[in-house]
Amino acid sequence: MDYETLKRPMKQVQGMVQGDIPGVLRQPPGPRFMEVGRILCDGRRQVMMKAKAILDKVRRERGYLHPSREILCQRDPHYLEVYHHLFTHVMKKNRRLPLKVKEMIIAAINAASNYEEGLRVHIRAALEAGAREDEVFEAIEAASLPAGIHTITFSMPIFAEVCKEFRESGKKARS
């Protein structure tokens, strides 16, 4: 059943035929059917409320929410919750590597993958975490060795733009 079906009022869901809701056969309207439908809708309402709570938590803890995470949460809120827990564990709780190094690693992988949005976000995050421009540059340069020269071709204009925006914003690096 898709997300839009789950948001429909109970009376619209009651008229569905077999196959609309896996494992539920169409029955003549009656008290038992009404109760089954109410339980299904109450269960979906709880899932939707939990999904909203997960989205709010991700937004609050990361400072933004990528649109793809909303779609993911509509389809599989548990996956987003597990992924966010893993991200938080690696980026915030493990302290063997400084945050700036982790951000530079992710920026370098995004550069090698030609993932522009991630590259912008993580260059900025590395700078905010205290990385110097030359350190971020070197991380991207290192990524180009296994990934190829196109990593440099793709990422250098983005690197220059993000660094310029960061300097002009007057933000100071966190140490």
N, C-alpha and C. Protein backbone atom coordinates (compact mmCIF):
# COMPACT_ATOMS: atom_id res chain seq x y z
N MET A 1 0.86 -1.17 0.00
CA MET A 1 0.00 0.00 0.00
C MET A 1 0.90 1.23 0.00
N ASP A 2 0.59 2.23 -0.80
CA ASP A 2 1.45 3.39 -0.88
C ASP A 2 1.07 4.45 0.16
N TYR A 3 1.93 5.43 0.28
CA TYR A 3 1.80 6.48 1.30
C TYR A 3 0.49 7.26 1.13
N GLU A 4 0.12 7.57 -0.12
CA GLU A 4 -1.10 8.35 -0.36
C GLU A 4 -2.34 7.57 0.09
N THR A 5 -2.35 6.26 -0.12
CA THR A 5 -3.48 5.44 0.32
C THR A 5 -3.63 5.51 1.83
N LEU A 6 -2.49 5.50 2.51
CA LEU A 6 -2.51 5.50 3.97
C LEU A 6 -3.05 6.81 4.54
N LYS A 7 -2.97 7.88 3.78
CA LYS A 7 -3.43 9.17 4.27
C LYS A 7 -4.93 9.39 4.02
N ARG A 8 -5.55 8.52 3.23
CA ARG A 8 -6.96 8.69 2.91
C ARG A 8 -7.84 8.50 4.14
N PRO A 9 -8.98 9.20 4.17
CA PRO A 9 -9.92 8.98 5.28
C PRO A 9 -10.40 7.54 5.31
N MET A 10 -10.81 7.08 6.47
CA MET A 10 -11.24 5.70 6.68
C MET A 10 -12.32 5.27 5.69
N LYS A 11 -13.30 6.12 5.41
CA LYS A 11 -14.40 5.71 4.54
C LYS A 11 -13.91 5.40 3.12
N GLN A 12 -12.85 6.05 2.65
CA GLN A 12 -12.31 5.74 1.33
C GLN A 12 -11.58 4.40 1.35
N VAL A 13 -10.88 4.09 2.43
CA VAL A 13 -10.14 2.84 2.53
C VAL A 13 -11.11 1.66 2.62
N GLN A 14 -12.27 1.85 3.26
CA GLN A 14 -13.22 0.76 3.45
C GLN A 14 -13.73 0.20 2.13
N GLY A 15 -13.82 1.00 1.08
CA GLY A 15 -14.37 0.56 -0.18
C GLY A 15 -13.37 -0.16 -1.07
N MET A 16 -12.17 -0.38 -0.62
CA MET A 16 -11.15 -1.01 -1.45
C MET A 16 -11.47 -2.48 -1.69
N VAL A 17 -10.96 -3.00 -2.79
CA VAL A 17 -11.18 -4.40 -3.12
C VAL A 17 -9.93 -5.20 -2.78
N GLN A 18 -10.03 -6.52 -2.88
CA GLN A 18 -8.90 -7.38 -2.60
C GLN A 18 -7.71 -6.96 -3.46
N GLY A 19 -6.55 -6.94 -2.87
CA GLY A 19 -5.35 -6.53 -3.58
C GLY A 19 -4.94 -5.11 -3.24
N ASP A 20 -5.88 -4.27 -2.81
CA ASP A 20 -5.53 -2.91 -2.41
C ASP A 20 -4.72 -2.93 -1.12
N ILE A 21 -5.10 -3.81 -0.23
CA ILE A 21 -4.36 -3.97 1.02
C ILE A 21 -3.97 -5.44 1.08
N PRO A 22 -2.68 -5.77 0.99
CA PRO A 22 -2.28 -7.18 0.95
C PRO A 22 -2.84 -7.94 2.14
N GLY A 23 -3.41 -9.11 1.86
CA GLY A 23 -3.89 -9.98 2.91
C GLY A 23 -5.26 -9.64 3.45
N VAL A 24 -5.91 -8.60 2.94
CA VAL A 24 -7.23 -8.21 3.44
C VAL A 24 -8.23 -8.38 2.30
N LEU A 25 -9.24 -9.20 2.52
CA LEU A 25 -10.27 -9.42 1.51
C LEU A 25 -11.39 -8.42 1.69
N ARG A 26 -12.03 -8.07 0.59
CA ARG A 26 -13.19 -7.19 0.68
C ARG A 26 -14.34 -7.96 1.32
N GLN A 27 -14.92 -7.35 2.30
CA GLN A 27 -16.04 -7.96 3.00
C GLN A 27 -17.23 -7.02 2.90
N PRO A 28 -18.44 -7.55 3.04
CA PRO A 28 -19.57 -6.64 3.05
C PRO A 28 -19.45 -5.70 4.25
N PRO A 29 -19.83 -4.45 4.07
CA PRO A 29 -19.73 -3.54 5.20
C PRO A 29 -20.48 -4.10 6.40
N GLY A 30 -19.86 -4.02 7.51
CA GLY A 30 -20.47 -4.51 8.74
C GLY A 30 -19.58 -4.15 9.91
N PRO A 31 -20.03 -4.44 11.11
CA PRO A 31 -19.27 -4.05 12.29
C PRO A 31 -17.86 -4.63 12.32
N ARG A 32 -17.71 -5.91 11.90
CA ARG A 32 -16.39 -6.53 11.93
C ARG A 32 -15.45 -5.84 10.95
N PHE A 33 -15.94 -5.58 9.74
CA PHE A 33 -15.13 -4.90 8.73
C PHE A 33 -14.74 -3.50 9.19
N MET A 34 -15.68 -2.82 9.79
CA MET A 34 -15.40 -1.47 10.28
C MET A 34 -14.30 -1.51 11.32
N GLU A 35 -14.33 -2.52 12.18
CA GLU A 35 -13.30 -2.64 13.24
C GLU A 35 -11.94 -2.95 12.64
N VAL A 36 -11.88 -3.87 11.66
CA VAL A 36 -10.62 -4.19 11.00
C VAL A 36 -10.06 -2.94 10.32
N GLY A 37 -10.92 -2.22 9.62
CA GLY A 37 -10.48 -0.99 8.96
C GLY A 37 -9.97 0.04 9.94
N ARG A 38 -10.65 0.18 11.09
CA ARG A 38 -10.23 1.15 12.11
C ARG A 38 -8.86 0.76 12.66
N ILE A 39 -8.66 -0.52 12.90
CA ILE A 39 -7.36 -0.98 13.42
C ILE A 39 -6.27 -0.71 12.40
N LEU A 40 -6.55 -1.02 11.11
CA LEU A 40 -5.55 -0.74 10.07
C LEU A 40 -5.21 0.74 10.01
N CYS A 41 -6.23 1.59 10.04
CA CYS A 41 -5.99 3.03 9.96
C CYS A 41 -5.28 3.55 11.21
N ASP A 42 -5.65 3.03 12.38
CA ASP A 42 -4.95 3.45 13.60
C ASP A 42 -3.49 3.04 13.55
N GLY A 43 -3.22 1.83 13.03
CA GLY A 43 -1.83 1.37 12.92
C GLY A 43 -1.04 2.23 11.95
N ARG A 44 -1.64 2.58 10.82
CA ARG A 44 -0.95 3.43 9.84
C ARG A 44 -0.75 4.82 10.39
N ARG A 45 -1.72 5.31 11.15
CA ARG A 45 -1.59 6.63 11.76
C ARG A 45 -0.39 6.64 12.71
N GLN A 46 -0.21 5.57 13.46
CA GLN A 46 0.93 5.48 14.37
C GLN A 46 2.24 5.45 13.59
N VAL A 47 2.27 4.69 12.48
CA VAL A 47 3.47 4.63 11.64
C VAL A 47 3.78 6.01 11.07
N MET A 48 2.75 6.73 10.61
CA MET A 48 2.96 8.07 10.05
C MET A 48 3.46 9.04 11.11
N MET A 49 2.94 8.93 12.34
CA MET A 49 3.39 9.81 13.42
C MET A 49 4.85 9.50 13.77
N LYS A 50 5.22 8.22 13.78
CA LYS A 50 6.60 7.85 14.05
C LYS A 50 7.51 8.36 12.93
N ALA A 51 7.07 8.24 11.67
CA ALA A 51 7.86 8.73 10.54
C ALA A 51 8.09 10.24 10.67
N LYS A 52 7.07 10.98 11.05
CA LYS A 52 7.22 12.43 11.23
C LYS A 52 8.21 12.71 12.35
N ALA A 53 8.16 11.96 13.42
CA ALA A 53 9.10 12.15 14.54
C ALA A 53 10.54 11.87 14.09
N ILE A 54 10.72 10.85 13.26
CA ILE A 54 12.06 10.54 12.74
C ILE A 54 12.55 11.67 11.86
N LEU A 55 11.71 12.17 10.95
CA LEU A 55 12.10 13.28 10.08
C LEU A 55 12.47 14.51 10.91
N ASP A 56 11.68 14.81 11.92
CA ASP A 56 11.97 15.96 12.78
C ASP A 56 13.31 15.80 13.49
N LYS A 57 13.58 14.59 13.96
CA LYS A 57 14.85 14.32 14.66
C LYS A 57 16.04 14.50 13.71
N VAL A 58 15.94 13.95 12.50
CA VAL A 58 17.02 14.07 11.52
C VAL A 58 17.25 15.55 11.19
N ARG A 59 16.17 16.27 10.94
CA ARG A 59 16.26 17.70 10.61
C ARG A 59 16.93 18.47 11.75
N ARG A 60 16.52 18.20 12.97
CA ARG A 60 17.05 18.90 14.15
C ARG A 60 18.53 18.57 14.37
N GLU A 61 18.90 17.29 14.27
CA GLU A 61 20.26 16.88 14.59
C GLU A 61 21.25 17.16 13.46
N ARG A 62 20.79 17.20 12.22
CA ARG A 62 21.71 17.45 11.11
C ARG A 62 21.64 18.88 10.61
N GLY A 63 20.60 19.61 11.00
CA GLY A 63 20.49 21.00 10.59
C GLY A 63 19.82 21.19 9.24
N TYR A 64 19.51 20.12 8.56
CA TYR A 64 18.82 20.18 7.27
C TYR A 64 18.23 18.81 7.00
N LEU A 65 17.39 18.73 5.99
CA LEU A 65 16.83 17.44 5.60
C LEU A 65 16.80 17.37 4.08
N HIS A 66 17.55 16.45 3.54
CA HIS A 66 17.57 16.26 2.10
C HIS A 66 16.20 15.72 1.65
N PRO A 67 15.66 16.23 0.55
CA PRO A 67 14.34 15.78 0.08
C PRO A 67 14.24 14.26 -0.10
N SER A 68 15.35 13.62 -0.46
CA SER A 68 15.31 12.16 -0.64
C SER A 68 15.02 11.44 0.67
N ARG A 69 15.38 12.06 1.80
CA ARG A 69 15.13 11.42 3.10
C ARG A 69 13.64 11.41 3.43
N GLU A 70 12.91 12.42 2.95
CA GLU A 70 11.46 12.43 3.17
C GLU A 70 10.79 11.29 2.40
N ILE A 71 11.22 11.09 1.16
CA ILE A 71 10.67 10.00 0.35
C ILE A 71 11.04 8.66 0.99
N LEU A 72 12.29 8.52 1.40
CA LEU A 72 12.72 7.30 2.06
C LEU A 72 11.87 7.02 3.30
N CYS A 73 11.61 8.04 4.08
CA CYS A 73 10.85 7.88 5.31
C CYS A 73 9.40 7.50 5.04
N GLN A 74 8.84 7.98 3.94
CA GLN A 74 7.48 7.59 3.58
C GLN A 74 7.41 6.09 3.28
N ARG A 75 8.45 5.58 2.64
CA ARG A 75 8.46 4.18 2.23
C ARG A 75 9.01 3.25 3.30
N ASP A 76 10.03 3.70 4.04
CA ASP A 76 10.68 2.83 5.02
C ASP A 76 11.28 3.66 6.15
N PRO A 77 10.44 4.13 7.07
CA PRO A 77 10.93 4.98 8.16
C PRO A 77 12.00 4.30 9.01
N HIS A 78 11.89 2.99 9.15
CA HIS A 78 12.88 2.27 9.97
C HIS A 78 14.28 2.38 9.36
N TYR A 79 14.37 2.28 8.03
CA TYR A 79 15.67 2.40 7.37
C TYR A 79 16.29 3.77 7.64
N LEU A 80 15.50 4.83 7.50
CA LEU A 80 16.02 6.17 7.76
C LEU A 80 16.47 6.30 9.21
N GLU A 81 15.70 5.74 10.12
CA GLU A 81 16.07 5.80 11.54
C GLU A 81 17.41 5.09 11.79
N VAL A 82 17.58 3.91 11.21
CA VAL A 82 18.83 3.15 11.37
C VAL A 82 19.99 3.90 10.70
N TYR A 83 19.76 4.41 9.49
CA TYR A 83 20.81 5.15 8.78
C TYR A 83 21.23 6.38 9.58
N HIS A 84 20.28 7.12 10.12
CA HIS A 84 20.61 8.31 10.90
C HIS A 84 21.38 7.94 12.17
N HIS A 85 20.98 6.85 12.80
CA HIS A 85 21.70 6.38 13.99
C HIS A 85 23.15 6.05 13.62
N LEU A 86 23.36 5.37 12.51
CA LEU A 86 24.71 5.03 12.06
C LEU A 86 25.51 6.30 11.74
N PHE A 87 24.90 7.24 11.02
CA PHE A 87 25.56 8.50 10.69
C PHE A 87 25.98 9.22 11.97
N THR A 88 25.07 9.32 12.92
CA THR A 88 25.36 10.01 14.18
C THR A 88 26.47 9.31 14.94
N HIS A 89 26.44 7.99 14.93
CA HIS A 89 27.49 7.23 15.63
C HIS A 89 28.86 7.52 15.03
N VAL A 90 28.95 7.45 13.72
CA VAL A 90 30.24 7.65 13.04
C VAL A 90 30.70 9.10 13.15
N MET A 91 29.80 10.04 12.91
CA MET A 91 30.21 11.44 12.83
C MET A 91 30.30 12.14 14.18
N LYS A 92 29.52 11.74 15.15
CA LYS A 92 29.47 12.49 16.42
C LYS A 92 30.01 11.70 17.61
N LYS A 93 29.73 10.41 17.67
CA LYS A 93 30.06 9.65 18.87
C LYS A 93 31.46 9.07 18.84
N ASN A 94 31.87 8.52 17.70
CA ASN A 94 33.26 8.06 17.57
C ASN A 94 34.17 9.28 17.52
N ARG A 95 35.17 9.31 18.36
CA ARG A 95 36.03 10.50 18.43
C ARG A 95 37.49 10.22 18.11
N ARG A 96 37.80 9.06 17.53
CA ARG A 96 39.20 8.77 17.23
C ARG A 96 39.73 9.68 16.12
N LEU A 97 38.91 9.96 15.14
CA LEU A 97 39.29 10.92 14.09
C LEU A 97 38.57 12.23 14.36
N PRO A 98 39.26 13.35 14.19
CA PRO A 98 38.57 14.64 14.34
C PRO A 98 37.46 14.79 13.29
N LEU A 99 36.43 15.54 13.65
CA LEU A 99 35.30 15.76 12.75
C LEU A 99 35.76 16.32 11.41
N LYS A 100 36.71 17.24 11.41
CA LYS A 100 37.17 17.83 10.15
C LYS A 100 37.74 16.76 9.21
N VAL A 101 38.42 15.76 9.76
CA VAL A 101 38.98 14.68 8.94
C VAL A 101 37.86 13.83 8.35
N LYS A 102 36.86 13.51 9.15
CA LYS A 102 35.72 12.73 8.65
C LYS A 102 35.00 13.49 7.53
N GLU A 103 34.82 14.78 7.72
CA GLU A 103 34.15 15.59 6.69
C GLU A 103 34.99 15.64 5.41
N MET A 104 36.31 15.72 5.55
CA MET A 104 37.17 15.73 4.36
C MET A 104 37.12 14.39 3.64
N ILE A 105 37.05 13.29 4.38
CA ILE A 105 36.94 11.97 3.76
C ILE A 105 35.65 11.89 2.95
N ILE A 106 34.55 12.32 3.55
CA ILE A 106 33.26 12.27 2.86
C ILE A 106 33.27 13.20 1.64
N ALA A 107 33.86 14.39 1.79
CA ALA A 107 33.96 15.31 0.65
C ALA A 107 34.76 14.67 -0.49
N ALA A 108 35.87 14.00 -0.14
CA ALA A 108 36.71 13.37 -1.17
C ALA A 108 35.95 12.25 -1.88
N ILE A 109 35.19 11.47 -1.13
CA ILE A 109 34.39 10.40 -1.75
C ILE A 109 33.31 11.00 -2.64
N ASN A 110 32.68 12.07 -2.19
CA ASN A 110 31.68 12.74 -3.02
C ASN A 110 32.31 13.30 -4.29
N ALA A 111 33.53 13.83 -4.18
CA ALA A 111 34.23 14.33 -5.37
C ALA A 111 34.49 13.19 -6.34
N ALA A 112 34.96 12.06 -5.82
CA ALA A 112 35.25 10.90 -6.68
C ALA A 112 33.99 10.33 -7.29
N SER A 113 32.85 10.53 -6.62
CA SER A 113 31.57 10.01 -7.12
C SER A 113 30.82 11.02 -7.98
N ASN A 114 31.40 12.21 -8.16
CA ASN A 114 30.75 13.29 -8.90
C ASN A 114 29.39 13.65 -8.31
N TYR A 115 29.31 13.65 -6.99
CA TYR A 115 28.07 13.99 -6.28
C TYR A 115 28.19 15.42 -5.80
N GLU A 116 27.66 16.34 -6.60
CA GLU A 116 27.86 17.77 -6.36
C GLU A 116 27.27 18.25 -5.04
N GLU A 117 26.02 17.91 -4.76
CA GLU A 117 25.39 18.41 -3.53
C GLU A 117 26.14 17.94 -2.29
N GLY A 118 26.50 16.66 -2.25
CA GLY A 118 27.26 16.14 -1.11
C GLY A 118 28.63 16.79 -1.00
N LEU A 119 29.27 17.03 -2.14
CA LEU A 119 30.58 17.68 -2.14
C LEU A 119 30.48 19.07 -1.54
N ARG A 120 29.49 19.84 -1.95
CA ARG A 120 29.30 21.19 -1.39
C ARG A 120 29.06 21.15 0.12
N VAL A 121 28.15 20.29 0.53
CA VAL A 121 27.79 20.20 1.95
C VAL A 121 29.00 19.82 2.80
N HIS A 122 29.77 18.85 2.34
CA HIS A 122 30.86 18.34 3.18
C HIS A 122 32.15 19.17 3.08
N ILE A 123 32.37 19.89 1.99
CA ILE A 123 33.47 20.86 1.99
C ILE A 123 33.17 21.95 3.02
N ARG A 124 31.95 22.46 2.97
CA ARG A 124 31.53 23.49 3.92
C ARG A 124 31.63 22.97 5.37
N ALA A 125 31.15 21.76 5.59
CA ALA A 125 31.20 21.18 6.93
C ALA A 125 32.64 20.99 7.40
N ALA A 126 33.53 20.59 6.51
CA ALA A 126 34.95 20.42 6.87
C ALA A 126 35.56 21.77 7.26
N LEU A 127 35.25 22.80 6.49
CA LEU A 127 35.76 24.14 6.81
C LEU A 127 35.21 24.61 8.16
N GLU A 128 33.92 24.39 8.38
CA GLU A 128 33.30 24.79 9.64
C GLU A 128 33.88 24.02 10.82
N ALA A 129 34.32 22.77 10.56
CA ALA A 129 34.89 21.94 11.63
C ALA A 129 36.36 22.25 11.87
N GLY A 130 36.92 23.19 11.12
CA GLY A 130 38.30 23.61 11.37
C GLY A 130 39.32 23.22 10.33
N ALA A 131 38.90 22.58 9.26
CA ALA A 131 39.85 22.22 8.20
C ALA A 131 40.27 23.48 7.45
N ARG A 132 41.51 23.50 7.06
CA ARG A 132 42.00 24.60 6.21
C ARG A 132 41.69 24.26 4.75
N GLU A 133 41.61 25.29 3.93
CA GLU A 133 41.32 25.07 2.51
C GLU A 133 42.33 24.13 1.88
N ASP A 134 43.61 24.29 2.21
CA ASP A 134 44.63 23.44 1.61
C ASP A 134 44.49 21.97 2.03
N GLU A 135 43.95 21.72 3.22
CA GLU A 135 43.70 20.34 3.66
C GLU A 135 42.57 19.71 2.85
N VAL A 136 41.50 20.47 2.66
CA VAL A 136 40.36 19.96 1.88
C VAL A 136 40.82 19.72 0.43
N PHE A 137 41.59 20.67 -0.11
CA PHE A 137 42.11 20.53 -1.47
C PHE A 137 42.93 19.24 -1.59
N GLU A 138 43.79 18.99 -0.61
CA GLU A 138 44.64 17.80 -0.66
C GLU A 138 43.82 16.50 -0.57
N ALA A 139 42.75 16.52 0.21
CA ALA A 139 41.89 15.34 0.32
C ALA A 139 41.24 15.03 -1.04
N ILE A 140 40.78 16.08 -1.71
CA ILE A 140 40.16 15.89 -3.04
C ILE A 140 41.22 15.43 -4.04
N GLU A 141 42.39 16.01 -3.95
CA GLU A 141 43.50 15.62 -4.83
C GLU A 141 43.83 14.13 -4.63
N ALA A 142 43.88 13.69 -3.37
CA ALA A 142 44.17 12.28 -3.08
C ALA A 142 43.08 11.37 -3.66
N ALA A 143 41.83 11.81 -3.61
CA ALA A 143 40.73 11.01 -4.15
C ALA A 143 40.85 10.84 -5.65
N SER A 144 41.51 11.80 -6.30
CA SER A 144 41.63 11.73 -7.76
C SER A 144 42.60 10.63 -8.21
N LEU A 145 43.46 10.18 -7.31
CA LEU A 145 44.42 9.13 -7.71
C LEU A 145 43.70 7.84 -8.09
N PRO A 146 42.86 7.27 -7.21
CA PRO A 146 42.16 6.06 -7.65
C PRO A 146 40.97 6.35 -8.56
N ALA A 147 40.37 7.53 -8.42
CA ALA A 147 39.14 7.83 -9.17
C ALA A 147 39.40 8.42 -10.55
N GLY A 148 40.55 9.03 -10.76
CA GLY A 148 40.87 9.59 -12.06
C GLY A 148 40.84 11.12 -12.08
N ILE A 149 41.43 11.68 -13.11
CA ILE A 149 41.60 13.12 -13.24
C ILE A 149 40.27 13.85 -13.33
N HIS A 150 39.21 13.15 -13.75
CA HIS A 150 37.91 13.82 -13.85
C HIS A 150 37.38 14.24 -12.48
N THR A 151 37.91 13.62 -11.43
CA THR A 151 37.56 14.05 -10.08
C THR A 151 37.99 15.50 -9.89
N ILE A 152 39.18 15.85 -10.38
CA ILE A 152 39.69 17.22 -10.29
C ILE A 152 38.87 18.13 -11.19
N THR A 153 38.64 17.70 -12.42
CA THR A 153 37.86 18.49 -13.37
C THR A 153 36.50 18.84 -12.81
N PHE A 154 35.84 17.85 -12.20
CA PHE A 154 34.51 18.04 -11.64
C PHE A 154 34.53 18.89 -10.38
N SER A 155 35.45 18.61 -9.47
CA SER A 155 35.35 19.17 -8.13
C SER A 155 36.03 20.52 -7.91
N MET A 156 37.03 20.87 -8.68
CA MET A 156 37.77 22.11 -8.40
C MET A 156 36.90 23.37 -8.51
N PRO A 157 36.05 23.50 -9.51
CA PRO A 157 35.19 24.70 -9.53
C PRO A 157 34.26 24.76 -8.31
N ILE A 158 33.75 23.61 -7.89
CA ILE A 158 32.88 23.56 -6.71
C ILE A 158 33.68 23.91 -5.46
N PHE A 159 34.88 23.34 -5.34
CA PHE A 159 35.77 23.63 -4.22
C PHE A 159 36.03 25.13 -4.12
N ALA A 160 36.41 25.75 -5.23
CA ALA A 160 36.72 27.18 -5.23
C ALA A 160 35.50 28.01 -4.83
N GLU A 161 34.33 27.64 -5.35
CA GLU A 161 33.11 28.38 -5.05
C GLU A 161 32.73 28.27 -3.56
N VAL A 162 32.79 27.07 -3.02
CA VAL A 162 32.41 26.87 -1.62
C VAL A 162 33.40 27.59 -0.69
N CYS A 163 34.68 27.50 -1.00
CA CYS A 163 35.68 28.19 -0.18
C CYS A 163 35.47 29.70 -0.21
N LYS A 164 35.18 30.25 -1.39
CA LYS A 164 34.92 31.68 -1.50
C LYS A 164 33.69 32.07 -0.69
N GLU A 165 32.61 31.30 -0.82
CA GLU A 165 31.39 31.58 -0.05
C GLU A 165 31.66 31.51 1.44
N PHE A 166 32.46 30.54 1.87
CA PHE A 166 32.77 30.39 3.29
C PHE A 166 33.56 31.60 3.80
N ARG A 167 34.55 32.03 3.04
CA ARG A 167 35.35 33.21 3.44
C ARG A 167 34.47 34.45 3.50
N GLU A 168 33.61 34.63 2.49
CA GLU A 168 32.76 35.82 2.43
C GLU A 168 31.67 35.82 3.50
N SER A 169 31.30 34.66 3.98
CA SER A 169 30.24 34.59 5.00
C SER A 169 30.75 35.08 6.36
N GLY A 170 32.07 35.14 6.50
CA GLY A 170 32.64 35.58 7.78
C GLY A 170 32.58 34.53 8.85
N LYS A 171 32.14 33.32 8.50
CA LYS A 171 32.09 32.25 9.49
C LYS A 171 33.50 31.89 9.92
N LYS A 172 33.62 31.53 11.15
CA LYS A 172 34.90 31.07 11.68
C LYS A 172 34.83 29.56 11.82
N ALA A 173 35.95 28.94 11.59
CA ALA A 173 36.02 27.49 11.75
C ALA A 173 35.89 27.11 13.20
N ARG A 174 35.15 26.02 13.45
CA ARG A 174 35.08 25.46 14.80
C ARG A 174 36.33 24.64 15.01
N SER A 175 36.88 24.72 16.16
CA SER A 175 38.08 23.91 16.43
C SER A 175 37.80 22.81 17.40
